[in-house]
Protein backbone atom coordinates (compact mmCIF):
# COMPACT_ATOMS: atom_id res chain seq x y z
CA UNK A 1 -45.52 133.34 -27.98
CA UNK A 2 -47.49 132.63 -31.27
CA UNK A 3 -51.24 134.05 -31.43
CA UNK A 4 -52.39 130.27 -31.19
CA UNK A 5 -50.92 129.69 -27.68
CA UNK A 6 -51.95 133.13 -26.54
CA UNK A 7 -55.60 131.90 -27.41
CA UNK A 8 -54.98 128.55 -25.53
CA UNK A 9 -53.89 130.22 -22.67
CA UNK A 10 -56.82 132.52 -22.54
CA UNK A 11 -59.00 129.39 -22.91
CA UNK A 12 -57.59 127.58 -20.18
CA UNK A 13 -57.17 130.43 -17.73
CA UNK A 14 -59.15 129.66 -14.34
CA UNK A 15 -61.80 132.04 -12.63
CA UNK A 16 -62.82 131.90 -9.18
CA UNK A 17 -66.77 132.27 -8.65
CA UNK A 18 -68.39 134.67 -6.16
CA UNK A 19 -72.12 134.72 -5.83
CA UNK A 20 -73.48 138.44 -5.69
CA UNK A 21 -77.14 137.55 -5.08
CA UNK A 22 -79.50 134.70 -5.17
CA UNK A 23 -83.38 134.39 -5.49
CA UNK A 24 -85.10 130.96 -5.53
CA UNK A 25 -88.54 130.42 -6.79
CA UNK A 26 -90.64 127.58 -6.30
CA UNK A 27 -93.38 126.52 -8.71
CA UNK A 28 -95.92 123.61 -7.89
CA UNK A 29 -97.43 121.99 -10.99
CA UNK A 30 -101.06 120.38 -10.66
CA UNK A 31 -99.85 116.88 -10.73
CA UNK A 32 -98.54 114.22 -8.33
CA UNK A 33 -95.98 111.37 -8.82
CA UNK A 34 -96.87 107.65 -8.07
CA UNK A 35 -96.01 108.29 -4.53
CA UNK A 36 -98.60 111.13 -4.10
CA UNK A 37 -95.82 113.91 -3.92
CA UNK A 38 -96.72 117.09 -5.60
CA UNK A 39 -94.41 117.72 -8.69
CA UNK A 40 -92.73 120.95 -9.18
CA UNK A 41 -89.43 122.68 -9.88
CA UNK A 42 -87.19 125.20 -7.86
CA UNK A 43 -85.71 128.14 -9.98
CA UNK A 44 -82.47 129.86 -8.86
CA UNK A 45 -81.68 133.10 -10.35
CA UNK A 46 -78.47 134.71 -9.40
CA UNK A 47 -75.77 137.15 -10.43
CA UNK A 48 -72.18 135.96 -10.28
CA UNK A 49 -68.64 137.28 -10.95
CA UNK A 50 -65.82 135.67 -12.28
CA UNK A 51 -62.43 136.68 -11.38
CA UNK A 52 -58.97 135.54 -12.64
CA UNK A 53 -57.30 133.38 -9.94
CA UNK A 54 -53.68 131.71 -9.99
CA UNK A 55 -54.91 128.61 -8.51
CA UNK A 56 -54.82 125.33 -10.83
CA UNK A 57 -58.48 124.74 -10.60
CA UNK A 58 -61.60 126.77 -11.14
CA UNK A 59 -64.01 127.90 -13.89
CA UNK A 60 -62.88 127.92 -17.38
CA UNK A 61 -64.97 131.24 -18.47
CA UNK A 62 -63.98 134.67 -19.24
CA UNK A 63 -63.91 136.76 -16.25
CA UNK A 64 -66.67 139.29 -15.71
CA UNK A 65 -70.33 139.55 -14.26
CA UNK A 66 -73.09 137.09 -15.59
CA UNK A 67 -76.40 136.39 -14.72
CA UNK A 68 -76.99 132.69 -13.92
CA UNK A 69 -80.04 130.22 -13.80
CA UNK A 70 -80.73 126.65 -12.32
CA UNK A 71 -83.89 124.92 -12.77
CA UNK A 72 -84.11 121.80 -10.44
CA UNK A 73 -87.10 119.12 -10.21
CA UNK A 74 -89.02 119.28 -6.69
CA UNK A 75 -91.22 116.74 -4.96
CA UNK A 76 -93.55 118.61 -2.40
CA UNK A 77 -91.24 121.58 -2.58
CA UNK A 78 -87.95 119.84 -1.91
CA UNK A 79 -85.24 119.12 -4.24
CA UNK A 80 -85.60 115.95 -5.83
CA UNK A 81 -83.12 113.75 -8.52
CA UNK A 82 -80.08 114.68 -9.78
CA UNK A 83 -78.43 118.26 -9.60
CA UNK A 84 -78.89 120.41 -12.68
CA UNK A 85 -76.02 122.47 -13.87
CA UNK A 86 -76.03 126.20 -13.64
CA UNK A 87 -76.26 128.14 -16.76
CA UNK A 88 -74.80 131.75 -17.46
CA UNK A 89 -76.13 134.55 -19.61
CA UNK A 90 -75.28 137.96 -20.65
CA UNK A 91 -78.72 139.34 -20.54
CA UNK A 92 -81.89 138.96 -18.76
CA UNK A 93 -83.88 137.97 -21.81
CA UNK A 94 -81.31 135.18 -22.51
CA UNK A 95 -81.85 134.14 -19.02
CA UNK A 96 -85.77 134.27 -19.07
CA UNK A 97 -85.85 132.36 -22.21
CA UNK A 98 -83.92 129.43 -20.65
CA UNK A 99 -85.91 129.55 -17.53
CA UNK A 100 -89.26 129.50 -19.46
CA UNK A 101 -88.22 126.69 -21.89
CA UNK A 102 -86.95 124.67 -18.81
CA UNK A 103 -90.35 125.16 -16.83
CA UNK A 104 -92.40 124.21 -19.86
CA UNK A 105 -90.32 121.15 -20.32
CA UNK A 106 -90.78 120.06 -16.68
CA UNK A 107 -94.47 120.92 -16.75
CA UNK A 108 -94.85 118.36 -19.95
CA UNK A 109 -92.78 115.85 -18.00
CA UNK A 110 -95.07 116.31 -14.89
CA UNK A 111 -98.17 115.78 -16.87
CA UNK A 112 -96.97 112.68 -18.77
CA UNK A 113 -96.16 111.19 -15.34
CA UNK A 114 -99.41 112.12 -13.87
CA UNK A 115 -101.17 110.55 -17.08
CA UNK A 116 -99.60 107.29 -16.58
CA UNK A 117 -101.02 106.72 -13.12
């Protein structure tokens, strides 16, 4: 096995995902959409573990424990629109920077929608 093929084998190894803990936080912005629903977002923070698996499907990531976050839009406190992908981080600081940017962007979009009314 050459060094290149070993690298390819590592990149295509699949892992199973196990949720260790999850906290969901809801943030309501001071804006409504054209239908009068309150605009906000839901933030899911979790710790996940990826373990190698022999199954031909799974996640193509390195095995280990990661911090995860997903920020989804809400209307009246309920998820709304397309699902957003979960992002994985090595440190708490990286995860919180991601969440802060997504919430800031969501807040700007909500203000723009409210201004159009």
